[in-house]
């Protein structure tokens, strides 16, 4: 399996660098046509990740610099240096995804949803709502043509479907 070439990434000696083009409209402001900086890594997978992040965030940096108005070239260079220092310093390798982790997450979300439903059912059983909430609920039920008594006759899942129609 071959990997696709990552834009802006290049190997110089044993260290990877990124080479980002400056938008044409900003060449005069920046005083050059591209920015080239070291990614301070020899690891190709880390370099690919950093180059993709740099490419996607660099345009935002350029737009921010333009929005600042009058900025000197030395200030721009300081901002760009800070951008790359932060990019490299904040990079971390994500935790590996374990087989079945998605299933665990789905089960956890299902349990959380069931817990929320139980809490809502308990609130509904006590019926201590403010007058504003009662009025809003009444307006919503009227809007869909349902009487409050109809909700109590439904099994819980049908009640939730009715509530879903309201929301």
N, C-alpha and C. Protein backbone atom coordinates (compact mmCIF):
# COMPACT_ATOMS: atom_id res chain seq x y z
N UNK A 1 0.85 -1.18 0.00
CA UNK A 1 0.00 0.00 0.00
C UNK A 1 0.89 1.24 0.00
N UNK A 2 0.63 2.14 -0.92
CA UNK A 2 1.43 3.36 -0.99
C UNK A 2 0.63 4.51 -0.38
N UNK A 3 1.34 5.40 0.23
CA UNK A 3 0.70 6.57 0.83
C UNK A 3 0.69 7.71 -0.16
N UNK A 4 -0.36 8.49 -0.09
CA UNK A 4 -0.41 9.68 -0.94
C UNK A 4 0.57 10.72 -0.42
N UNK A 5 1.05 11.50 -1.32
CA UNK A 5 1.97 12.58 -0.97
C UNK A 5 1.20 13.67 -0.23
N UNK A 6 1.75 14.15 0.84
CA UNK A 6 1.11 15.19 1.64
C UNK A 6 1.55 16.54 1.10
N UNK A 7 0.59 17.42 0.79
CA UNK A 7 0.98 18.74 0.29
C UNK A 7 1.84 19.49 1.31
N UNK A 8 2.76 20.25 0.80
CA UNK A 8 3.61 21.15 1.59
C UNK A 8 4.70 20.45 2.39
N UNK A 9 4.72 19.12 2.42
CA UNK A 9 5.70 18.40 3.23
C UNK A 9 6.91 18.04 2.40
N UNK A 10 8.10 18.25 2.97
CA UNK A 10 9.32 17.86 2.26
C UNK A 10 10.35 17.41 3.28
N UNK A 11 11.22 16.55 2.83
CA UNK A 11 12.29 16.03 3.67
C UNK A 11 13.57 16.76 3.31
N UNK A 12 14.20 17.34 4.31
CA UNK A 12 15.47 18.04 4.08
C UNK A 12 16.50 17.38 4.99
N UNK A 13 17.38 16.62 4.38
CA UNK A 13 18.32 15.81 5.16
C UNK A 13 17.53 14.70 5.82
N UNK A 14 17.51 14.70 7.15
CA UNK A 14 16.74 13.69 7.88
C UNK A 14 15.56 14.29 8.62
N UNK A 15 15.34 15.59 8.48
CA UNK A 15 14.27 16.28 9.19
C UNK A 15 13.22 16.78 8.20
N UNK A 16 11.98 16.66 8.61
CA UNK A 16 10.89 17.11 7.75
C UNK A 16 10.63 18.60 7.93
N UNK A 17 10.27 19.23 6.83
CA UNK A 17 9.91 20.64 6.82
C UNK A 17 8.57 20.81 6.12
N UNK A 18 7.97 21.95 6.38
CA UNK A 18 6.74 22.31 5.69
C UNK A 18 7.01 23.58 4.91
N UNK A 19 6.42 23.63 3.72
CA UNK A 19 6.62 24.77 2.83
C UNK A 19 5.23 25.25 2.41
N UNK A 20 4.78 26.36 2.98
CA UNK A 20 3.42 26.83 2.77
C UNK A 20 3.39 28.06 1.86
N UNK A 21 2.59 28.00 0.80
CA UNK A 21 2.48 29.17 -0.07
C UNK A 21 1.65 30.27 0.59
N UNK A 22 2.08 31.48 0.42
CA UNK A 22 1.33 32.64 0.91
C UNK A 22 0.36 33.05 -0.19
N UNK A 23 -0.90 33.31 0.15
CA UNK A 23 -1.84 33.75 -0.88
C UNK A 23 -1.31 34.96 -1.63
N UNK A 24 -1.54 34.99 -2.95
CA UNK A 24 -0.99 36.05 -3.81
C UNK A 24 -1.33 37.45 -3.31
N UNK A 25 -2.55 37.62 -2.83
CA UNK A 25 -2.97 38.95 -2.38
C UNK A 25 -2.16 39.44 -1.18
N UNK A 26 -1.39 38.55 -0.55
CA UNK A 26 -0.63 38.91 0.65
C UNK A 26 0.88 38.91 0.44
N UNK A 27 1.33 38.69 -0.79
CA UNK A 27 2.77 38.64 -1.05
C UNK A 27 3.47 39.92 -0.61
N UNK A 28 2.88 41.07 -0.93
CA UNK A 28 3.51 42.35 -0.57
C UNK A 28 3.55 42.53 0.95
N UNK A 29 2.47 42.15 1.61
CA UNK A 29 2.39 42.30 3.06
C UNK A 29 3.45 41.43 3.75
N UNK A 30 3.61 40.20 3.29
CA UNK A 30 4.55 39.27 3.90
C UNK A 30 5.98 39.47 3.38
N UNK A 31 6.12 40.08 2.22
CA UNK A 31 7.44 40.29 1.65
C UNK A 31 8.04 39.03 1.04
N UNK A 32 7.22 38.02 0.79
CA UNK A 32 7.67 36.78 0.16
C UNK A 32 6.48 35.98 -0.34
N UNK A 33 6.77 34.86 -1.01
CA UNK A 33 5.71 34.07 -1.63
C UNK A 33 5.42 32.77 -0.87
N UNK A 34 6.31 32.39 0.02
CA UNK A 34 6.09 31.16 0.79
C UNK A 34 6.81 31.22 2.13
N UNK A 35 6.38 30.37 3.02
CA UNK A 35 6.98 30.22 4.34
C UNK A 35 7.51 28.79 4.42
N UNK A 36 8.73 28.65 4.88
CA UNK A 36 9.32 27.32 5.02
C UNK A 36 9.85 27.19 6.44
N UNK A 37 9.41 26.16 7.14
CA UNK A 37 9.84 25.95 8.52
C UNK A 37 10.04 24.46 8.80
N UNK A 38 10.93 24.19 9.74
CA UNK A 38 11.17 22.81 10.16
C UNK A 38 10.02 22.35 11.05
N UNK A 39 9.70 21.09 10.92
CA UNK A 39 8.69 20.49 11.80
C UNK A 39 9.35 19.79 13.00
N UNK A 40 10.66 19.81 13.05
CA UNK A 40 11.45 19.25 14.15
C UNK A 40 11.12 17.79 14.41
N UNK A 41 10.97 17.03 13.34
CA UNK A 41 10.73 15.59 13.50
C UNK A 41 11.36 14.83 12.35
N UNK A 42 11.73 13.61 12.66
CA UNK A 42 12.22 12.68 11.64
C UNK A 42 11.18 11.60 11.35
N UNK A 43 10.14 11.59 12.12
CA UNK A 43 9.08 10.58 12.00
C UNK A 43 8.12 10.98 10.88
N UNK A 44 8.00 10.17 9.84
CA UNK A 44 7.14 10.55 8.71
C UNK A 44 5.66 10.67 9.08
N UNK A 45 5.18 9.83 9.99
CA UNK A 45 3.75 9.92 10.34
C UNK A 45 3.46 11.20 11.13
N UNK A 46 4.36 11.59 12.02
CA UNK A 46 4.20 12.85 12.76
C UNK A 46 4.30 14.02 11.80
N UNK A 47 5.25 13.95 10.87
CA UNK A 47 5.44 15.03 9.89
C UNK A 47 4.20 15.19 9.02
N UNK A 48 3.61 14.09 8.58
CA UNK A 48 2.39 14.17 7.76
C UNK A 48 1.27 14.87 8.53
N UNK A 49 1.09 14.46 9.76
CA UNK A 49 0.04 15.06 10.59
C UNK A 49 0.28 16.56 10.79
N UNK A 50 1.50 16.94 11.13
CA UNK A 50 1.82 18.35 11.35
C UNK A 50 1.67 19.17 10.07
N UNK A 51 2.08 18.61 8.94
CA UNK A 51 1.98 19.34 7.67
C UNK A 51 0.52 19.58 7.31
N UNK A 52 -0.32 18.60 7.52
CA UNK A 52 -1.74 18.77 7.22
C UNK A 52 -2.37 19.82 8.15
N UNK A 53 -2.00 19.78 9.42
CA UNK A 53 -2.51 20.79 10.36
C UNK A 53 -2.02 22.18 9.98
N UNK A 54 -0.75 22.29 9.65
CA UNK A 54 -0.18 23.58 9.27
C UNK A 54 -0.88 24.13 8.04
N UNK A 55 -1.09 23.28 7.05
CA UNK A 55 -1.75 23.72 5.82
C UNK A 55 -3.16 24.20 6.06
N UNK A 56 -3.88 23.51 6.93
CA UNK A 56 -5.28 23.89 7.16
C UNK A 56 -5.40 25.14 8.04
N UNK A 57 -4.45 25.36 8.93
CA UNK A 57 -4.54 26.50 9.85
C UNK A 57 -3.82 27.75 9.36
N UNK A 58 -2.93 27.59 8.40
CA UNK A 58 -2.12 28.72 7.95
C UNK A 58 -2.97 29.81 7.30
N UNK A 59 -3.96 29.43 6.53
CA UNK A 59 -4.83 30.43 5.89
C UNK A 59 -5.55 31.26 6.94
N UNK A 60 -5.97 30.62 8.03
CA UNK A 60 -6.61 31.38 9.12
C UNK A 60 -5.63 32.39 9.72
N UNK A 61 -4.39 31.97 9.87
CA UNK A 61 -3.37 32.89 10.39
C UNK A 61 -3.20 34.07 9.43
N UNK A 62 -3.12 33.79 8.14
CA UNK A 62 -2.97 34.86 7.14
C UNK A 62 -4.15 35.83 7.22
N UNK A 63 -5.36 35.30 7.30
CA UNK A 63 -6.55 36.16 7.39
C UNK A 63 -6.51 37.01 8.66
N UNK A 64 -6.04 36.43 9.76
CA UNK A 64 -5.94 37.18 11.01
C UNK A 64 -4.94 38.32 10.89
N UNK A 65 -3.84 38.05 10.22
CA UNK A 65 -2.80 39.08 10.05
C UNK A 65 -3.35 40.22 9.19
N UNK A 66 -4.06 39.90 8.13
CA UNK A 66 -4.66 40.93 7.27
C UNK A 66 -5.66 41.76 8.08
N UNK A 67 -6.44 41.09 8.93
CA UNK A 67 -7.45 41.79 9.72
C UNK A 67 -6.83 42.74 10.74
N UNK A 68 -5.57 42.51 11.09
CA UNK A 68 -4.89 43.36 12.07
C UNK A 68 -4.60 44.74 11.51
N UNK A 69 -4.59 44.89 10.20
CA UNK A 69 -4.30 46.18 9.59
C UNK A 69 -2.82 46.36 9.37
N UNK A 70 -2.29 47.49 9.81
CA UNK A 70 -0.87 47.80 9.63
C UNK A 70 -0.03 46.92 10.55
N UNK A 71 0.72 46.00 9.93
CA UNK A 71 1.59 45.11 10.69
C UNK A 71 2.95 45.10 9.99
N UNK A 72 4.00 45.20 10.78
CA UNK A 72 5.35 45.20 10.17
C UNK A 72 5.77 43.78 9.81
N UNK A 73 6.76 43.69 8.93
CA UNK A 73 7.26 42.37 8.53
C UNK A 73 7.84 41.62 9.72
N UNK A 74 8.50 42.34 10.63
CA UNK A 74 9.07 41.66 11.80
C UNK A 74 7.96 41.11 12.70
N UNK A 75 6.85 41.86 12.84
CA UNK A 75 5.72 41.36 13.62
C UNK A 75 5.12 40.13 12.96
N UNK A 76 5.01 40.14 11.64
CA UNK A 76 4.49 38.98 10.91
C UNK A 76 5.39 37.78 11.14
N UNK A 77 6.70 37.99 11.07
CA UNK A 77 7.64 36.88 11.30
C UNK A 77 7.51 36.31 12.70
N UNK A 78 7.31 37.19 13.69
CA UNK A 78 7.11 36.72 15.07
C UNK A 78 5.83 35.89 15.18
N UNK A 79 4.76 36.35 14.52
CA UNK A 79 3.51 35.60 14.54
C UNK A 79 3.65 34.24 13.88
N UNK A 80 4.35 34.21 12.77
CA UNK A 80 4.56 32.94 12.06
C UNK A 80 5.43 32.00 12.88
N UNK A 81 6.49 32.52 13.50
CA UNK A 81 7.33 31.68 14.35
C UNK A 81 6.52 31.12 15.52
N UNK A 82 5.70 31.95 16.13
CA UNK A 82 4.83 31.49 17.22
C UNK A 82 3.84 30.43 16.75
N UNK A 83 3.32 30.63 15.55
CA UNK A 83 2.38 29.66 14.96
C UNK A 83 3.03 28.28 14.86
N UNK A 84 4.26 28.24 14.34
CA UNK A 84 4.94 26.95 14.17
C UNK A 84 5.39 26.36 15.50
N UNK A 85 5.86 27.21 16.43
CA UNK A 85 6.24 26.70 17.75
C UNK A 85 5.04 26.05 18.43
N UNK A 86 3.90 26.72 18.37
CA UNK A 86 2.68 26.18 18.98
C UNK A 86 2.24 24.90 18.29
N UNK A 87 2.30 24.89 16.97
CA UNK A 87 1.90 23.71 16.20
C UNK A 87 2.71 22.49 16.63
N UNK A 88 4.02 22.64 16.69
CA UNK A 88 4.90 21.52 17.04
C UNK A 88 4.75 21.15 18.52
N UNK A 89 4.67 22.15 19.39
CA UNK A 89 4.59 21.89 20.83
C UNK A 89 3.27 21.22 21.22
N UNK A 90 2.18 21.55 20.54
CA UNK A 90 0.87 21.01 20.90
C UNK A 90 0.56 19.67 20.25
N UNK A 91 1.46 19.19 19.40
CA UNK A 91 1.18 17.92 18.72
C UNK A 91 1.33 16.77 19.69
N UNK A 92 0.36 15.87 19.68
CA UNK A 92 0.47 14.65 20.46
C UNK A 92 -0.09 13.51 19.62
N UNK A 93 0.45 12.37 19.82
CA UNK A 93 0.00 11.20 19.08
C UNK A 93 -1.30 10.72 19.73
N UNK A 94 -2.36 10.55 18.94
CA UNK A 94 -3.62 10.11 19.53
C UNK A 94 -3.52 8.68 20.05
N UNK A 95 -4.34 8.37 21.04
CA UNK A 95 -4.38 7.02 21.57
C UNK A 95 -4.85 6.06 20.50
N UNK A 96 -4.30 4.86 20.48
CA UNK A 96 -4.76 3.90 19.49
C UNK A 96 -6.20 3.49 19.75
N UNK A 97 -6.89 3.19 18.69
CA UNK A 97 -8.29 2.76 18.82
C UNK A 97 -8.30 1.25 19.01
N UNK A 98 -8.88 0.84 20.10
CA UNK A 98 -8.94 -0.58 20.41
C UNK A 98 -10.11 -1.22 19.68
N UNK A 99 -9.97 -2.46 19.27
CA UNK A 99 -11.13 -3.14 18.68
C UNK A 99 -12.26 -3.20 19.70
N UNK A 100 -13.44 -2.87 19.27
CA UNK A 100 -14.60 -2.89 20.15
C UNK A 100 -14.80 -1.60 20.92
N UNK A 101 -13.88 -0.64 20.80
CA UNK A 101 -14.02 0.61 21.54
C UNK A 101 -15.27 1.36 21.12
N UNK A 102 -15.59 1.27 19.84
CA UNK A 102 -16.79 1.94 19.34
C UNK A 102 -18.03 1.34 19.98
N UNK A 103 -18.05 0.00 20.11
CA UNK A 103 -19.19 -0.66 20.75
C UNK A 103 -19.35 -0.20 22.19
N UNK A 104 -18.22 -0.09 22.90
CA UNK A 104 -18.27 0.35 24.28
C UNK A 104 -18.84 1.76 24.37
N UNK A 105 -18.39 2.63 23.47
CA UNK A 105 -18.86 4.01 23.46
C UNK A 105 -20.36 4.07 23.17
N UNK A 106 -20.81 3.25 22.22
CA UNK A 106 -22.24 3.22 21.90
C UNK A 106 -23.04 2.73 23.10
N UNK A 107 -22.54 1.72 23.80
CA UNK A 107 -23.24 1.21 24.98
C UNK A 107 -23.29 2.27 26.07
N UNK A 108 -22.20 3.00 26.22
CA UNK A 108 -22.15 4.06 27.23
C UNK A 108 -23.16 5.16 26.89
N UNK A 109 -23.24 5.51 25.60
CA UNK A 109 -24.20 6.52 25.19
C UNK A 109 -25.63 6.04 25.38
N UNK A 110 -25.88 4.77 25.08
CA UNK A 110 -27.22 4.22 25.28
C UNK A 110 -27.60 4.25 26.75
N UNK A 111 -26.66 3.89 27.62
CA UNK A 111 -26.93 3.93 29.06
C UNK A 111 -27.21 5.35 29.52
N UNK A 112 -26.46 6.31 29.01
CA UNK A 112 -26.68 7.71 29.38
C UNK A 112 -28.06 8.18 28.90
N UNK A 113 -28.45 7.76 27.70
CA UNK A 113 -29.76 8.14 27.18
C UNK A 113 -30.88 7.53 28.01
N UNK A 114 -30.71 6.27 28.40
CA UNK A 114 -31.72 5.63 29.25
C UNK A 114 -31.82 6.33 30.60
N UNK A 115 -30.68 6.73 31.15
CA UNK A 115 -30.69 7.44 32.43
C UNK A 115 -31.41 8.79 32.30
N UNK A 116 -31.16 9.49 31.19
CA UNK A 116 -31.84 10.77 30.97
C UNK A 116 -33.34 10.56 30.82
N UNK A 117 -33.74 9.50 30.12
CA UNK A 117 -35.16 9.21 29.97
C UNK A 117 -35.80 8.94 31.33
N UNK A 118 -35.09 8.19 32.18
CA UNK A 118 -35.62 7.89 33.51
C UNK A 118 -35.78 9.17 34.33
N UNK A 119 -34.79 10.07 34.22
CA UNK A 119 -34.89 11.35 34.95
C UNK A 119 -36.07 12.18 34.45
N UNK A 120 -36.25 12.20 33.12
CA UNK A 120 -37.39 12.94 32.56
C UNK A 120 -38.71 12.33 32.99
N UNK A 121 -38.76 11.00 33.02
CA UNK A 121 -39.99 10.33 33.46
C UNK A 121 -40.29 10.65 34.92
N UNK A 122 -39.24 10.70 35.76
CA UNK A 122 -39.43 11.04 37.17
C UNK A 122 -39.93 12.47 37.32
N UNK A 123 -39.37 13.37 36.53
CA UNK A 123 -39.84 14.76 36.56
C UNK A 123 -41.30 14.85 36.13
N UNK A 124 -41.63 14.10 35.09
CA UNK A 124 -43.01 14.11 34.59
C UNK A 124 -43.96 13.54 35.63
N UNK A 125 -43.52 12.51 36.38
CA UNK A 125 -44.38 11.89 37.38
C UNK A 125 -44.69 12.86 38.53
N UNK A 126 -43.73 13.68 38.89
CA UNK A 126 -43.94 14.63 39.98
C UNK A 126 -44.74 15.85 39.54
N UNK A 127 -44.63 16.16 38.27
CA UNK A 127 -45.36 17.27 37.67
C UNK A 127 -45.15 18.61 38.39
N UNK A 128 -43.91 18.90 38.90
CA UNK A 128 -43.69 20.22 39.45
C UNK A 128 -42.95 21.06 38.42
N UNK A 129 -43.71 21.63 37.54
CA UNK A 129 -43.17 22.49 36.51
C UNK A 129 -43.61 23.92 36.78
N UNK A 130 -42.81 24.85 36.34
CA UNK A 130 -43.19 26.25 36.49
C UNK A 130 -44.36 26.54 35.55
N UNK A 131 -45.07 27.61 35.84
CA UNK A 131 -46.24 27.96 35.01
C UNK A 131 -45.81 28.27 33.58
N UNK A 132 -44.61 28.85 33.40
CA UNK A 132 -44.11 29.13 32.05
C UNK A 132 -43.93 27.85 31.24
N UNK A 133 -43.36 26.84 31.88
CA UNK A 133 -43.13 25.57 31.19
C UNK A 133 -44.47 24.90 30.86
N UNK A 134 -45.39 24.94 31.80
CA UNK A 134 -46.71 24.34 31.55
C UNK A 134 -47.40 25.03 30.38
N UNK A 135 -47.31 26.34 30.33
CA UNK A 135 -47.94 27.09 29.24
C UNK A 135 -47.29 26.76 27.90
N UNK A 136 -45.97 26.70 27.88
CA UNK A 136 -45.26 26.37 26.64
C UNK A 136 -45.61 24.96 26.17
N UNK A 137 -45.66 24.01 27.10
CA UNK A 137 -46.03 22.64 26.74
C UNK A 137 -47.44 22.59 26.19
N UNK A 138 -48.34 23.33 26.81
CA UNK A 138 -49.73 23.37 26.34
C UNK A 138 -49.80 23.95 24.93
N UNK A 139 -49.05 25.01 24.67
CA UNK A 139 -49.02 25.61 23.34
C UNK A 139 -48.47 24.62 22.30
N UNK A 140 -47.42 23.90 22.67
CA UNK A 140 -46.83 22.93 21.74
C UNK A 140 -47.79 21.77 21.47
N UNK A 141 -48.48 21.30 22.50
CA UNK A 141 -49.45 20.22 22.30
C UNK A 141 -50.60 20.68 21.42
N UNK A 142 -51.05 21.90 21.63
CA UNK A 142 -52.11 22.45 20.77
C UNK A 142 -51.65 22.54 19.32
N UNK A 143 -50.37 22.91 19.14
CA UNK A 143 -49.84 23.07 17.78
C UNK A 143 -49.84 21.75 17.00
N UNK A 144 -49.65 20.62 17.70
CA UNK A 144 -49.66 19.33 17.00
C UNK A 144 -50.99 18.60 17.14
N UNK A 145 -51.95 19.23 17.82
CA UNK A 145 -53.28 18.65 17.94
C UNK A 145 -53.36 17.47 18.89
N UNK A 146 -52.60 17.52 19.97
CA UNK A 146 -52.62 16.44 20.96
C UNK A 146 -53.07 16.99 22.30
N UNK A 147 -53.92 16.23 22.97
CA UNK A 147 -54.37 16.60 24.31
C UNK A 147 -53.40 16.03 25.34
N UNK A 148 -53.16 16.74 26.45
CA UNK A 148 -52.27 16.20 27.49
C UNK A 148 -52.70 14.83 27.99
N UNK A 149 -53.99 14.58 28.06
CA UNK A 149 -54.48 13.28 28.54
C UNK A 149 -54.08 12.16 27.59
N UNK A 150 -53.94 12.48 26.29
CA UNK A 150 -53.54 11.47 25.32
C UNK A 150 -52.14 10.94 25.60
N UNK A 151 -51.27 11.78 26.13
CA UNK A 151 -49.90 11.36 26.43
C UNK A 151 -49.85 10.35 27.56
N UNK A 152 -50.72 10.49 28.55
CA UNK A 152 -50.69 9.56 29.68
C UNK A 152 -51.24 8.20 29.31
N UNK A 153 -52.03 8.10 28.25
CA UNK A 153 -52.59 6.82 27.81
C UNK A 153 -51.59 6.02 27.00
N UNK A 154 -50.56 6.67 26.47
CA UNK A 154 -49.58 6.01 25.61
C UNK A 154 -48.55 5.26 26.44
N UNK A 155 -48.01 4.15 25.90
CA UNK A 155 -46.85 3.54 26.57
C UNK A 155 -45.68 4.51 26.52
N UNK A 156 -44.67 4.34 27.40
CA UNK A 156 -43.57 5.30 27.48
C UNK A 156 -42.90 5.59 26.14
N UNK A 157 -42.67 4.58 25.30
CA UNK A 157 -41.98 4.85 24.03
C UNK A 157 -42.85 5.72 23.13
N UNK A 158 -44.16 5.52 23.12
CA UNK A 158 -45.04 6.35 22.30
C UNK A 158 -45.06 7.77 22.86
N UNK A 159 -45.01 7.90 24.18
CA UNK A 159 -44.96 9.23 24.80
C UNK A 159 -43.71 9.96 24.32
N UNK A 160 -42.59 9.25 24.30
CA UNK A 160 -41.34 9.87 23.86
C UNK A 160 -41.45 10.28 22.39
N UNK A 161 -42.12 9.49 21.56
CA UNK A 161 -42.30 9.87 20.16
C UNK A 161 -43.16 11.14 20.06
N UNK A 162 -44.19 11.24 20.88
CA UNK A 162 -45.02 12.44 20.88
C UNK A 162 -44.20 13.66 21.31
N UNK A 163 -43.40 13.47 22.34
CA UNK A 163 -42.54 14.57 22.81
C UNK A 163 -41.56 14.94 21.70
N UNK A 164 -41.03 13.94 21.00
CA UNK A 164 -40.12 14.21 19.89
C UNK A 164 -40.76 15.02 18.81
N UNK A 165 -42.05 14.80 18.56
CA UNK A 165 -42.77 15.59 17.55
C UNK A 165 -42.85 17.05 17.99
N UNK A 166 -42.98 17.25 19.27
CA UNK A 166 -43.09 18.62 19.79
C UNK A 166 -41.77 19.35 19.62
N UNK A 167 -40.68 18.68 19.94
CA UNK A 167 -39.36 19.30 19.87
C UNK A 167 -38.99 19.46 18.43
